[in-house]
Amino acid sequence: MFSQGQKIFALIFIVSFLVILTFQFLKDRKRNKTLFKGTYWVLIAIMALMLGYLLLTKLIH
């Protein structure tokens, strides 16, 4: 369904997106702590959804 290059691109994109998202979150959290209470749950949920989607697509195909 996907070529090897597309799979590699998707993997690199997802990993880099998560690294940048986490870095920006930690940087912004230092500036304003009151706005970021409990946001770890959102970050964990996003990561879990991405991981779940990846595992689900692996199991289906």
N, C-alpha and C. Protein backbone atom coordinates (compact mmCIF):
# COMPACT_ATOMS: atom_id res chain seq x y z
N MET A 1 0.82 -1.18 0.00
CA MET A 1 0.00 0.00 0.00
C MET A 1 0.88 1.26 0.00
N PHE A 2 1.83 1.32 0.90
CA PHE A 2 2.75 2.45 0.94
C PHE A 2 4.13 1.96 0.53
N SER A 3 4.85 2.82 -0.15
CA SER A 3 6.22 2.45 -0.51
C SER A 3 7.13 2.58 0.71
N GLN A 4 8.31 2.03 0.61
CA GLN A 4 9.27 2.09 1.72
C GLN A 4 9.63 3.54 2.04
N GLY A 5 9.78 4.37 1.01
CA GLY A 5 10.11 5.78 1.22
C GLY A 5 9.00 6.53 1.94
N GLN A 6 7.74 6.22 1.62
CA GLN A 6 6.62 6.87 2.30
C GLN A 6 6.56 6.48 3.77
N LYS A 7 6.85 5.23 4.06
CA LYS A 7 6.84 4.78 5.45
C LYS A 7 7.95 5.46 6.25
N ILE A 8 9.12 5.57 5.65
CA ILE A 8 10.24 6.24 6.33
C ILE A 8 9.92 7.70 6.56
N PHE A 9 9.36 8.37 5.54
CA PHE A 9 8.98 9.77 5.69
C PHE A 9 7.96 9.95 6.81
N ALA A 10 6.95 9.09 6.85
CA ALA A 10 5.92 9.19 7.89
C ALA A 10 6.52 9.00 9.27
N LEU A 11 7.41 8.05 9.41
CA LEU A 11 8.04 7.80 10.70
C LEU A 11 8.88 9.00 11.14
N ILE A 12 9.68 9.53 10.23
CA ILE A 12 10.51 10.70 10.55
C ILE A 12 9.63 11.90 10.88
N PHE A 13 8.55 12.08 10.14
CA PHE A 13 7.64 13.20 10.38
C PHE A 13 7.00 13.10 11.75
N ILE A 14 6.50 11.93 12.11
CA ILE A 14 5.83 11.76 13.40
C ILE A 14 6.81 11.96 14.55
N VAL A 15 7.99 11.39 14.45
CA VAL A 15 8.98 11.54 15.52
C VAL A 15 9.40 13.00 15.66
N SER A 16 9.69 13.66 14.55
CA SER A 16 10.11 15.07 14.63
C SER A 16 8.97 15.94 15.13
N PHE A 17 7.73 15.65 14.73
CA PHE A 17 6.58 16.41 15.21
C PHE A 17 6.45 16.28 16.73
N LEU A 18 6.58 15.07 17.24
CA LEU A 18 6.46 14.87 18.68
C LEU A 18 7.60 15.54 19.45
N VAL A 19 8.80 15.50 18.91
CA VAL A 19 9.93 16.15 19.57
C VAL A 19 9.72 17.66 19.62
N ILE A 20 9.32 18.25 18.51
CA ILE A 20 9.09 19.70 18.46
C ILE A 20 7.92 20.08 19.36
N LEU A 21 6.84 19.29 19.34
CA LEU A 21 5.68 19.56 20.18
C LEU A 21 6.06 19.53 21.66
N THR A 22 6.83 18.53 22.05
CA THR A 22 7.25 18.41 23.45
C THR A 22 8.18 19.55 23.84
N PHE A 23 9.13 19.89 22.97
CA PHE A 23 10.06 20.97 23.26
C PHE A 23 9.32 22.30 23.44
N GLN A 24 8.39 22.60 22.55
CA GLN A 24 7.64 23.85 22.65
C GLN A 24 6.75 23.87 23.89
N PHE A 25 6.17 22.73 24.22
CA PHE A 25 5.34 22.64 25.42
C PHE A 25 6.17 22.94 26.67
N LEU A 26 7.34 22.33 26.77
CA LEU A 26 8.18 22.56 27.95
C LEU A 26 8.67 24.00 28.02
N LYS A 27 8.97 24.58 26.87
CA LYS A 27 9.42 25.97 26.83
C LYS A 27 8.29 26.93 27.25
N ASP A 28 7.09 26.70 26.74
CA ASP A 28 5.96 27.56 27.08
C ASP A 28 5.52 27.36 28.53
N ARG A 29 5.64 26.14 29.02
CA ARG A 29 5.22 25.87 30.39
C ARG A 29 6.05 26.64 31.39
N LYS A 30 7.33 26.85 31.08
CA LYS A 30 8.19 27.61 31.98
C LYS A 30 7.75 29.06 32.06
N ARG A 31 7.24 29.60 30.95
CA ARG A 31 6.82 31.00 30.93
C ARG A 31 5.54 31.25 31.70
N ASN A 32 4.56 30.39 31.56
CA ASN A 32 3.27 30.62 32.19
C ASN A 32 2.74 29.31 32.76
N LYS A 33 2.98 29.10 34.03
CA LYS A 33 2.64 27.83 34.66
C LYS A 33 1.14 27.68 34.90
N THR A 34 0.40 28.78 35.07
CA THR A 34 -1.02 28.66 35.38
C THR A 34 -1.84 28.16 34.20
N LEU A 35 -1.43 28.45 32.99
CA LEU A 35 -2.18 28.01 31.81
C LEU A 35 -1.96 26.54 31.50
N PHE A 36 -0.91 25.95 32.02
CA PHE A 36 -0.53 24.60 31.63
C PHE A 36 -0.75 23.56 32.72
N LYS A 37 -1.67 23.82 33.64
CA LYS A 37 -1.97 22.82 34.66
C LYS A 37 -2.75 21.67 34.03
N GLY A 38 -2.27 20.46 34.21
CA GLY A 38 -2.96 19.29 33.71
C GLY A 38 -2.80 19.02 32.22
N THR A 39 -1.92 19.73 31.57
CA THR A 39 -1.77 19.54 30.12
C THR A 39 -0.95 18.30 29.78
N TYR A 40 -0.34 17.69 30.77
CA TYR A 40 0.37 16.44 30.50
C TYR A 40 -0.61 15.38 29.99
N TRP A 41 -1.84 15.44 30.48
CA TRP A 41 -2.83 14.46 30.03
C TRP A 41 -3.13 14.64 28.54
N VAL A 42 -3.17 15.87 28.08
CA VAL A 42 -3.40 16.12 26.66
C VAL A 42 -2.23 15.60 25.84
N LEU A 43 -1.03 15.87 26.29
CA LEU A 43 0.17 15.40 25.60
C LEU A 43 0.22 13.88 25.56
N ILE A 44 -0.10 13.25 26.66
CA ILE A 44 -0.13 11.79 26.72
C ILE A 44 -1.22 11.24 25.80
N ALA A 45 -2.37 11.90 25.76
CA ALA A 45 -3.47 11.45 24.90
C ALA A 45 -3.09 11.55 23.42
N ILE A 46 -2.43 12.63 23.03
CA ILE A 46 -2.00 12.78 21.64
C ILE A 46 -1.01 11.69 21.27
N MET A 47 -0.05 11.45 22.13
CA MET A 47 0.93 10.39 21.86
C MET A 47 0.26 9.02 21.80
N ALA A 48 -0.69 8.77 22.71
CA ALA A 48 -1.38 7.48 22.73
C ALA A 48 -2.22 7.29 21.47
N LEU A 49 -2.86 8.35 21.00
CA LEU A 49 -3.65 8.25 19.77
C LEU A 49 -2.77 7.95 18.57
N MET A 50 -1.64 8.63 18.49
CA MET A 50 -0.72 8.37 17.37
C MET A 50 -0.18 6.95 17.42
N LEU A 51 0.19 6.50 18.61
CA LEU A 51 0.70 5.14 18.76
C LEU A 51 -0.40 4.12 18.47
N GLY A 52 -1.60 4.39 18.95
CA GLY A 52 -2.72 3.49 18.69
C GLY A 52 -3.05 3.40 17.22
N TYR A 53 -3.01 4.52 16.53
CA TYR A 53 -3.27 4.52 15.09
C TYR A 53 -2.20 3.71 14.36
N LEU A 54 -0.97 3.91 14.76
CA LEU A 54 0.13 3.17 14.13
C LEU A 54 -0.03 1.66 14.35
N LEU A 55 -0.32 1.27 15.57
CA LEU A 55 -0.50 -0.15 15.87
C LEU A 55 -1.72 -0.73 15.16
N LEU A 56 -2.79 0.04 15.10
CA LEU A 56 -4.00 -0.43 14.44
C LEU A 56 -3.77 -0.63 12.95
N THR A 57 -3.08 0.28 12.32
CA THR A 57 -2.81 0.12 10.90
C THR A 57 -1.86 -1.05 10.65
N LYS A 58 -0.94 -1.29 11.56
CA LYS A 58 -0.05 -2.45 11.42
C LYS A 58 -0.83 -3.76 11.55
N LEU A 59 -1.79 -3.81 12.45
CA LEU A 59 -2.57 -5.03 12.66
C LEU A 59 -3.53 -5.30 11.50
N ILE A 60 -4.08 -4.25 10.92
CA ILE A 60 -5.04 -4.42 9.83
C ILE A 60 -4.33 -4.86 8.55
N HIS A 61 -3.19 -4.28 8.28
CA HIS A 61 -2.49 -4.59 7.02
C HIS A 61 -1.43 -5.57 7.28
